[in-house]
Amino acid sequence: MKLKLVTFALYIGAYMLVISIVKQFNLNEDEMQLCIFLALFWLSWILILPNRKDFKNNEFLGLLLNYVVITVVSVCIFLYQ
């Protein structure tokens, strides 16, 4: 339970850090939303890594591949809007 609270606190801190970093760049609203989404999406990997031992090798690589595919699809959707 303690590890989950620490992980959650780290995730919230990372969320605030990502927003403050992204706001420093002169991006339009859509670009800023995409950057924040992708950063938080990949930061959610922090929540998965402690449980990595519970996955078999193929499951972990499959999950990583899902993250990569969702990232690529998100960027492609953004570019072709």
C-alpha atoms as a PDB file:
ATOM      1  CA  MET A   1       0.000   0.000   0.000  1.00  0.00           C
ATOM      2  CA  LYS A   2       2.818   2.367   0.885  1.00  0.00           C
ATOM      3  CA  LEU A   3       4.530   1.736  -2.464  1.00  0.00           C
ATOM      4  CA  LYS A   4       1.296   2.515  -4.312  1.00  0.00           C
ATOM      5  CA  LEU A   5       0.918   5.829  -2.489  1.00  0.00           C
ATOM      6  CA  VAL A   6       4.522   6.779  -3.232  1.00  0.00           C
ATOM      7  CA  THR A   7       4.080   5.815  -6.877  1.00  0.00           C
ATOM      8  CA  PHE A   8       0.868   7.836  -7.085  1.00  0.00           C
ATOM      9  CA  ALA A   9       2.578  10.844  -5.497  1.00  0.00           C
ATOM     10  CA  LEU A  10       5.459  10.552  -7.972  1.00  0.00           C
ATOM     11  CA  TYR A  11       2.974  10.375 -10.829  1.00  0.00           C
ATOM     12  CA  ILE A  12       1.163  13.528  -9.650  1.00  0.00           C
ATOM     13  CA  GLY A  13       4.495  15.326  -9.256  1.00  0.00           C
ATOM     14  CA  ALA A  14       5.545  14.234 -12.725  1.00  0.00           C
ATOM     15  CA  TYR A  15       2.198  15.474 -14.078  1.00  0.00           C
ATOM     16  CA  MET A  16       2.820  18.937 -12.620  1.00  0.00           C
ATOM     17  CA  LEU A  17       6.383  18.936 -13.957  1.00  0.00           C
ATOM     18  CA  VAL A  18       5.248  17.943 -17.457  1.00  0.00           C
ATOM     19  CA  ILE A  19       2.649  20.706 -17.554  1.00  0.00           C
ATOM     20  CA  SER A  20       5.130  23.345 -16.400  1.00  0.00           C
ATOM     21  CA  ILE A  21       7.734  22.229 -18.953  1.00  0.00           C
ATOM     22  CA  VAL A  22       5.255  22.068 -21.841  1.00  0.00           C
ATOM     23  CA  LYS A  23       3.885  25.535 -21.031  1.00  0.00           C
ATOM     24  CA  GLN A  24       7.363  27.033 -21.484  1.00  0.00           C
ATOM     25  CA  PHE A  25       7.309  26.165 -25.178  1.00  0.00           C
ATOM     26  CA  ASN A  26       5.210  28.335 -27.436  1.00  0.00           C
ATOM     27  CA  LEU A  27       2.853  25.616 -28.616  1.00  0.00           C
ATOM     28  CA  ASN A  28      -0.712  25.980 -29.735  1.00  0.00           C
ATOM     29  CA  GLU A  29      -3.380  24.278 -27.642  1.00  0.00           C
ATOM     30  CA  ASP A  30      -3.562  21.096 -29.737  1.00  0.00           C
ATOM     31  CA  GLU A  31       0.207  20.571 -29.684  1.00  0.00           C
ATOM     32  CA  MET A  32       0.283  21.175 -25.941  1.00  0.00           C
ATOM     33  CA  GLN A  33      -2.487  18.640 -25.346  1.00  0.00           C
ATOM     34  CA  LEU A  34      -0.682  16.042 -27.467  1.00  0.00           C
ATOM     35  CA  CYS A  35       2.599  16.591 -25.602  1.00  0.00           C
ATOM     36  CA  ILE A  36       0.908  16.343 -22.215  1.00  0.00           C
ATOM     37  CA  PHE A  37      -1.019  13.233 -23.253  1.00  0.00           C
ATOM     38  CA  LEU A  38       2.078  11.447 -24.557  1.00  0.00           C
ATOM     39  CA  ALA A  39       4.195  12.442 -21.574  1.00  0.00           C
ATOM     40  CA  LEU A  40       1.589  11.246 -19.087  1.00  0.00           C
ATOM     41  CA  PHE A  41       0.929   8.146 -21.142  1.00  0.00           C
ATOM     42  CA  TRP A  42       4.597   7.183 -20.962  1.00  0.00           C
ATOM     43  CA  LEU A  43       4.829   8.244 -17.319  1.00  0.00           C
ATOM     44  CA  SER A  44       2.132   5.688 -16.591  1.00  0.00           C
ATOM     45  CA  TRP A  45       4.872   3.194 -17.415  1.00  0.00           C
ATOM     46  CA  ILE A  46       6.144   4.026 -13.905  1.00  0.00           C
ATOM     47  CA  LEU A  47       3.032   2.347 -12.534  1.00  0.00           C
ATOM     48  CA  ILE A  48       3.705  -0.809 -14.553  1.00  0.00           C
ATOM     49  CA  LEU A  49       7.438  -1.236 -13.943  1.00  0.00           C
ATOM     50  CA  PRO A  50       7.208  -2.357 -10.289  1.00  0.00           C
ATOM     51  CA  ASN A  51       4.933  -5.210 -11.405  1.00  0.00           C
ATOM     52  CA  ARG A  52       7.223  -6.249 -14.245  1.00  0.00           C
ATOM     53  CA  LYS A  53       8.143  -9.488 -12.440  1.00  0.00           C
ATOM     54  CA  ASP A  54       4.525 -10.620 -12.690  1.00  0.00           C
ATOM     55  CA  PHE A  55       4.618 -10.548 -16.495  1.00  0.00           C
ATOM     56  CA  LYS A  56       6.073 -13.221 -18.687  1.00  0.00           C
ATOM     57  CA  ASN A  57       8.633 -11.958 -21.209  1.00  0.00           C
ATOM     58  CA  ASN A  58       6.233 -11.950 -24.141  1.00  0.00           C
ATOM     59  CA  GLU A  59       3.496 -10.179 -22.180  1.00  0.00           C
ATOM     60  CA  PHE A  60       5.845  -7.403 -21.089  1.00  0.00           C
ATOM     61  CA  LEU A  61       7.166  -6.898 -24.625  1.00  0.00           C
ATOM     62  CA  GLY A  62       3.609  -6.975 -25.951  1.00  0.00           C
ATOM     63  CA  LEU A  63       2.606  -4.277 -23.495  1.00  0.00           C
ATOM     64  CA  LEU A  64       5.594  -2.166 -24.527  1.00  0.00           C
ATOM     65  CA  LEU A  65       4.626  -2.650 -28.176  1.00  0.00           C
ATOM     66  CA  ASN A  66       1.089  -1.473 -27.348  1.00  0.00           C
ATOM     67  CA  TYR A  67       2.529   1.716 -25.834  1.00  0.00           C
ATOM     68  CA  VAL A  68       4.614   2.338 -28.952  1.00  0.00           C
ATOM     69  CA  VAL A  69       1.682   1.690 -31.304  1.00  0.00           C
ATOM     70  CA  ILE A  70      -0.662   3.990 -29.359  1.00  0.00           C
ATOM     71  CA  THR A  71       2.007   6.713 -29.409  1.00  0.00           C
ATOM     72  CA  VAL A  72       2.497   6.415 -33.175  1.00  0.00           C
ATOM     73  CA  VAL A  73      -1.254   6.366 -33.841  1.00  0.00           C
ATOM     74  CA  SER A  74      -1.785   9.430 -31.618  1.00  0.00           C
ATOM     75  CA  VAL A  75       0.892  11.396 -33.453  1.00  0.00           C
ATOM     76  CA  CYS A  76      -0.466  10.332 -36.863  1.00  0.00           C
ATOM     77  CA  ILE A  77      -4.006  11.357 -35.913  1.00  0.00           C
ATOM     78  CA  PHE A  78      -2.683  14.707 -34.719  1.00  0.00           C
ATOM     79  CA  LEU A  79      -0.686  15.284 -37.918  1.00  0.00           C
ATOM     80  CA  TYR A  80      -3.563  14.438 -40.248  1.00  0.00           C
ATOM     81  CA  GLN A  81      -6.218  16.549 -38.483  1.00  0.00           C
END
